[in-house]
PDB file of N, CA and C in Angstrom:
ATOM      1  N   MET A   1      52.110 177.647  34.392  1.00  0.00           N
ATOM      2  CA  MET A   1      52.094 179.115  34.315  1.00  0.00           C
ATOM      3  C   MET A   1      52.266 179.569  32.866  1.00  0.00           C
ATOM      4  N   SER A   2      51.374 180.457  32.434  1.00  0.00           N
ATOM      5  CA  SER A   2      51.440 180.926  31.050  1.00  0.00           C
ATOM      6  C   SER A   2      52.594 181.905  30.871  1.00  0.00           C
ATOM      7  N   LEU A   3      53.020 182.059  29.631  1.00  0.00           N
ATOM      8  CA  LEU A   3      54.119 182.968  29.317  1.00  0.00           C
ATOM      9  C   LEU A   3      53.766 184.390  29.712  1.00  0.00           C
ATOM     10  N   LYS A   4      52.518 184.785  29.456  1.00  0.00           N
ATOM     11  CA  LYS A   4      52.088 186.146  29.769  1.00  0.00           C
ATOM     12  C   LYS A   4      52.169 186.404  31.279  1.00  0.00           C
ATOM     13  N   LYS A   5      51.655 185.460  32.069  1.00  0.00           N
ATOM     14  CA  LYS A   5      51.706 185.623  33.532  1.00  0.00           C
ATOM     15  C   LYS A   5      53.140 185.688  34.012  1.00  0.00           C
ATOM     16  N   LYS A   6      53.991 184.869  33.407  1.00  0.00           N
ATOM     17  CA  LYS A   6      55.404 184.842  33.796  1.00  0.00           C
ATOM     18  C   LYS A   6      56.050 186.191  33.512  1.00  0.00           C
ATOM     19  N   LEU A   7      55.751 186.772  32.351  1.00  0.00           N
ATOM     20  CA  LEU A   7      56.310 188.080  31.995  1.00  0.00           C
ATOM     21  C   LEU A   7      55.833 189.158  32.963  1.00  0.00           C
ATOM     22  N   PHE A   8      54.532 189.127  33.289  1.00  0.00           N
ATOM     23  CA  PHE A   8      53.997 190.153  34.182  1.00  0.00           C
ATOM     24  C   PHE A   8      54.570 190.026  35.586  1.00  0.00           C
ATOM     25  N   SER A   9      54.695 188.793  36.100  1.00  0.00           N
ATOM     26  CA  SER A   9      55.233 188.617  37.444  1.00  0.00           C
ATOM     27  C   SER A   9      56.706 189.022  37.486  1.00  0.00           C
ATOM     28  N   THR A  10      57.429 188.741  36.400  1.00  0.00           N
ATOM     29  CA  THR A  10      58.836 189.149  36.335  1.00  0.00           C
ATOM     30  C   THR A  10      58.936 190.668  36.298  1.00  0.00           C
ATOM     31  N   ALA A  11      58.043 191.302  35.559  1.00  0.00           N
ATOM     32  CA  ALA A  11      58.030 192.761  35.483  1.00  0.00           C
ATOM     33  C   ALA A  11      57.752 193.353  36.866  1.00  0.00           C
ATOM     34  N   LYS A  12      56.849 192.734  37.614  1.00  0.00           N
ATOM     35  CA  LYS A  12      56.546 193.221  38.969  1.00  0.00           C
ATOM     36  C   LYS A  12      57.777 193.120  39.856  1.00  0.00           C
ATOM     37  N   GLU A  13      58.539 192.040  39.700  1.00  0.00           N
ATOM     38  CA  GLU A  13      59.770 191.879  40.478  1.00  0.00           C
ATOM     39  C   GLU A  13      60.742 193.015  40.158  1.00  0.00           C
ATOM     40  N   TYR A  14      60.855 193.351  38.873  1.00  0.00           N
ATOM     41  CA  TYR A  14      61.750 194.430  38.470  1.00  0.00           C
ATOM     42  C   TYR A  14      61.281 195.774  39.024  1.00  0.00           C
ATOM     43  N   LEU A  15      59.972 195.979  39.107  1.00  0.00           N
ATOM     44  CA  LEU A  15      59.450 197.248  39.607  1.00  0.00           C
ATOM     45  C   LEU A  15      59.845 197.480  41.063  1.00  0.00           C
ATOM     46  N   LYS A  16      60.066 196.399  41.809  1.00  0.00           N
ATOM     47  CA  LYS A  16      60.482 196.543  43.205  1.00  0.00           C
ATOM     48  C   LYS A  16      61.849 197.213  43.285  1.00  0.00           C
ATOM     49  N   ASP A  17      62.650 197.001  42.258  1.00  0.00           N
ATOM     50  CA  ASP A  17      63.998 197.558  42.221  1.00  0.00           C
ATOM     51  C   ASP A  17      64.004 198.765  41.274  1.00  0.00           C
ATOM     52  N   GLU A  18      64.179 199.946  41.856  1.00  0.00           N
ATOM     53  CA  GLU A  18      64.108 201.187  41.050  1.00  0.00           C
ATOM     54  C   GLU A  18      65.052 201.169  39.858  1.00  0.00           C
ATOM     55  N   LYS A  19      66.217 200.564  40.029  1.00  0.00           N
ATOM     56  CA  LYS A  19      67.210 200.545  38.952  1.00  0.00           C
ATOM     57  C   LYS A  19      66.677 199.833  37.724  1.00  0.00           C
ATOM     58  N   ASN A  20      65.774 198.887  37.935  1.00  0.00           N
ATOM     59  CA  ASN A  20      65.289 198.070  36.822  1.00  0.00           C
ATOM     60  C   ASN A  20      63.931 198.537  36.308  1.00  0.00           C
ATOM     61  N   ARG A  21      63.504 199.722  36.739  1.00  0.00           N
ATOM     62  CA  ARG A  21      62.168 200.192  36.350  1.00  0.00           C
ATOM     63  C   ARG A  21      62.015 200.297  34.837  1.00  0.00           C
ATOM     64  N   GLU A  22      63.048 200.784  34.169  1.00  0.00           N
ATOM     65  CA  GLU A  22      62.979 200.934  32.707  1.00  0.00           C
ATOM     66  C   GLU A  22      62.837 199.577  32.038  1.00  0.00           C
ATOM     67  N   LYS A  23      63.585 198.591  32.542  1.00  0.00           N
ATOM     68  CA  LYS A  23      63.496 197.237  31.991  1.00  0.00           C
ATOM     69  C   LYS A  23      62.103 196.668  32.236  1.00  0.00           C
ATOM     70  N   ALA A  24      61.537 196.977  33.388  1.00  0.00           N
ATOM     71  CA  ALA A  24      60.192 196.483  33.711  1.00  0.00           C
ATOM     72  C   ALA A  24      59.169 197.041  32.735  1.00  0.00           C
ATOM     73  N   LYS A  25      59.323 198.319  32.382  1.00  0.00           N
ATOM     74  CA  LYS A  25      58.403 198.923  31.393  1.00  0.00           C
ATOM     75  C   LYS A  25      58.499 198.183  30.065  1.00  0.00           C
ATOM     76  N   GLN A  26      59.725 197.889  29.639  1.00  0.00           N
ATOM     77  CA  GLN A  26      59.912 197.184  28.369  1.00  0.00           C
ATOM     78  C   GLN A  26      59.268 195.803  28.425  1.00  0.00           C
ATOM     79  N   MET A  27      59.434 195.108  29.562  1.00  0.00           N
ATOM     80  CA  MET A  27      58.866 193.764  29.693  1.00  0.00           C
ATOM     81  C   MET A  27      57.347 193.823  29.683  1.00  0.00           C
ATOM     82  N   ALA A  28      56.789 194.851  30.339  1.00  0.00           N
ATOM     83  CA  ALA A  28      55.328 195.007  30.357  1.00  0.00           C
ATOM     84  C   ALA A  28      54.825 195.249  28.937  1.00  0.00           C
ATOM     85  N   ASN A  29      55.533 196.103  28.187  1.00  0.00           N
ATOM     86  CA  ASN A  29      55.143 196.373  26.799  1.00  0.00           C
ATOM     87  C   ASN A  29      55.215 195.098  25.971  1.00  0.00           C
ATOM     88  N   THR A  30      56.250 194.299  26.193  1.00  0.00           N
ATOM     89  CA  THR A  30      56.395 193.037  25.464  1.00  0.00           C
ATOM     90  C   THR A  30      55.222 192.124  25.776  1.00  0.00           C
ATOM     91  N   ALA A  31      54.843 192.044  27.043  1.00  0.00           N
ATOM     92  CA  ALA A  31      53.731 191.183  27.451  1.00  0.00           C
ATOM     93  C   ALA A  31      52.427 191.640  26.804  1.00  0.00           C
ATOM     94  N   VAL A  32      52.221 192.953  26.780  1.00  0.00           N
ATOM     95  CA  VAL A  32      51.003 193.502  26.157  1.00  0.00           C
ATOM     96  C   VAL A  32      50.987 193.181  24.667  1.00  0.00           C
ATOM     97  N   ASN A  33      52.122 193.357  24.002  1.00  0.00           N
ATOM     98  CA  ASN A  33      52.194 193.074  22.565  1.00  0.00           C
ATOM     99  C   ASN A  33      51.936 191.602  22.287  1.00  0.00           C
ATOM    100  N   LYS A  34      52.485 190.718  23.106  1.00  0.00           N
ATOM    101  CA  LYS A  34      52.251 189.277  22.920  1.00  0.00           C
ATOM    102  C   LYS A  34      50.776 188.959  23.104  1.00  0.00           C
ATOM    103  N   ALA A  35      50.153 189.602  24.070  1.00  0.00           N
ATOM    104  CA  ALA A  35      48.720 189.372  24.317  1.00  0.00           C
ATOM    105  C   ALA A  35      47.901 189.810  23.106  1.00  0.00           C
ATOM    106  N   LYS A  36      48.264 190.958  22.520  1.00  0.00           N
ATOM    107  CA  LYS A  36      47.552 191.453  21.328  1.00  0.00           C
ATOM    108  C   LYS A  36      47.713 190.477  20.166  1.00  0.00           C
ATOM    109  N   GLN A  37      48.928 189.940  20.001  1.00  0.00           N
ATOM    110  CA  GLN A  37      49.176 188.995  18.910  1.00  0.00           C
ATOM    111  C   GLN A  37      48.344 187.738  19.110  1.00  0.00           C
ATOM    112  N   MET A  38      48.215 187.280  20.369  1.00  0.00           N
ATOM    113  CA  MET A  38      47.428 186.073  20.642  1.00  0.00           C
ATOM    114  C   MET A  38      45.965 186.291  20.293  1.00  0.00           C
ATOM    115  N   LYS A  39      45.453 187.501  20.572  1.00  0.00           N
ATOM    116  CA  LYS A  39      44.050 187.800  20.275  1.00  0.00           C
ATOM    117  C   LYS A  39      43.780 187.793  18.777  1.00  0.00           C
ATOM    118  N   LYS A  40      44.766 188.219  17.988  1.00  0.00           N
ATOM    119  CA  LYS A  40      44.587 188.276  16.532  1.00  0.00           C
ATOM    120  C   LYS A  40      44.414 186.884  15.936  1.00  0.00           C
ATOM    121  N   LYS A  41      45.091 185.899  16.521  1.00  0.00           N
ATOM    122  CA  LYS A  41      45.059 184.542  15.945  1.00  0.00           C
ATOM    123  C   LYS A  41      43.732 183.855  16.210  1.00  0.00           C
TER     124      LYS A  41
END
């Protein structure tokens, strides 16, 4: 399992729990940023 997939699946788990929605947004942003960095290389 790739790091990106792991981050996205973890973010989805957090979205199930309303209390962790803000953390899920941060994790999704982190995953997107990592993906952008990978494309640059």
